[in-house]
């Protein structure tokens, strides 16, 4: 348990001030389920661990997957980093990532447990741009920016030492290292350098047939893949007479791995070259399944890993035809949760698809791979509010879930089946008298769900939107009236006759994401986008004449994404925490408990909770790629 407090820095000293609102012990999760999250760009496999370089709008991370049992890959979190790296270089127990904001150094690469070591910050001036590319040769890390290449001695990785700010290398060159040799390419020109005393000395150069897009080096053979997809090997044992030894056409990209060449070919194929690499004689060739183009790939034994779209795909190359043994979605948006007994469901959008994830919370789990996942196209475009994708709400109705506009059969909870689409994706779904009220951004839809899997649309409220400000985020209803958040307004709708929905009242308020109706009061917490951080209390005893009776200041500090009630308690999100309020005095809510989550530095620590759910004595909160479970304070 840890005390919450405020920290103020004064002239180099730290002053801790306990605030009345925060005079609470923070309740920590009893269980946390995590899943891979972000936008993958690169992958490197070493010693049975796949390291996926992963970036998204609020930060980046290196995610780690244990693939020693390829059919049961284990996600083991990873490490959060700054910047937007695309790939990493591993040398021994250390990894180096040019990230745009410097070079990130990680340690622990031998055991699949990387830890942040340091960020080698570079000069941010226009002449010394931050790191974009990197190569290792001669014990030197060569760091490429827009205007130059710089050099850092990494013979002691924990204490890198600047060697050269001006290496003499052309900033337009691309580098790859091997031992004490550097190889560069720019257009058709290929140069070879030997690193002596920290300096790159030119020892040879020649031209390829066409502009080069990629270089690889193995022993005394250099491999160049040109922009016209011709892959050639060059014997560089005698730099005075460099000649093409062999060529292959139709090669998109290539990679060395465990003494083999792996080639990604046109027409959805991959090829392996296992012996006498310079002769480019293909030993095995495989047809790939229909999938988005591979962004990056690597090989460990017979296990082939690739980034395809936003998925980590794993194949067994020891069988013919090629067999896919696993596919792990790496998702780059928030989502909503629902709980059915021991099964936790999360609905997340990635690209144009909705993914419904299922986790069995009853089994001991060190890993966080999904127990089940199904994907289906989003029936309509989802909508975003304050950088949060809101339209993936999950609602259980009997043996079905409505999630992201899809109707899912969960009769077998860990084998969910997509049935059909059911309207547009919704940010809120409330059910009253077998009618589902769905807040869908541009509209409110009322659906008869009494005979699922069949349903009937009873009515749609779609306000005029000349200024394009309509954004229906949340809804509450008693069956007679519906209360909605529409942009910065609270609207009261008469819904007795869903086929003829009428506006009963409108009230201008502030930006909000959630609302809760208890008795005659509506509680509306301000969202993070609102400059006014407060909790409004609205009297709706006469729904046609709602009255703002009070604003409860001091409860919200960061902004709230959602608010719910459970067993006579109110729970609302406030940035990185969830607060429990006592509604015994409706106009004077008292803070009873604070529920906290991720530690700073983990890939899941960025951003606040976007969805909460309560069942029995448990509270659940979703925050990016983690679902936390707490025991509710008695």
Foldseek 3Di string as FASTA:
>chain_A
DDQDWDWDADPNDIDTDRDPQRRFDAFEFPDKFFAFAAFWQEWDDDPQKIWTWGHFDFFTWTWIWRCPVVLDIFTQFGWTDHAQFRYWDDDPQWIWTQGQQAIWIWGRNVPRHTDTQDGHGWDVDPQIGGFDAWEDAPQWIWGADQHAIWIWRCPPVNDIHGDGPHQVDGSQWHWYYDYQKIWTFDWQKIWIFGADPNHTHTDAIDGDPTTFDDWDDDDQKIWTQHPQGKIWIWRRPPRVDIDTDEIDHQFPDWDDAPQWIWTQGPPQKIFIDRPPVNHVDTPDMEHHDDFADFSYWYDDDQWIWTCTRQKIWIWGNVDPHIGTSDIGGHHHAFWAWDDDVQKIWTWGDHDQKIKIFIDRNPDDDSGNGTLAIDIDGQPDDFDDDPNHGQFFYWDDDPQWIQGQQWIWGCPVVSDIDTDGGHDGGANEWDDEPQWIWGFGFQKTWIKRRPDPVDIDTQAIGGDDCPPVQFGWQYWDDHLQWIWTDTRQKIWIWGCVRRHDIDTLDMDGHWAFREWDDDPQWIWTAFAQPTPDGWIWIWGCPPVSDIDGDDTHPPNEDRGWQYWDDDPQWIWTWHKQKIWIWHCPPVRDIGTDHIHGYDDPGGPQRPIHWNYWDDDDQWIWTTGRRMIGIGGHDD
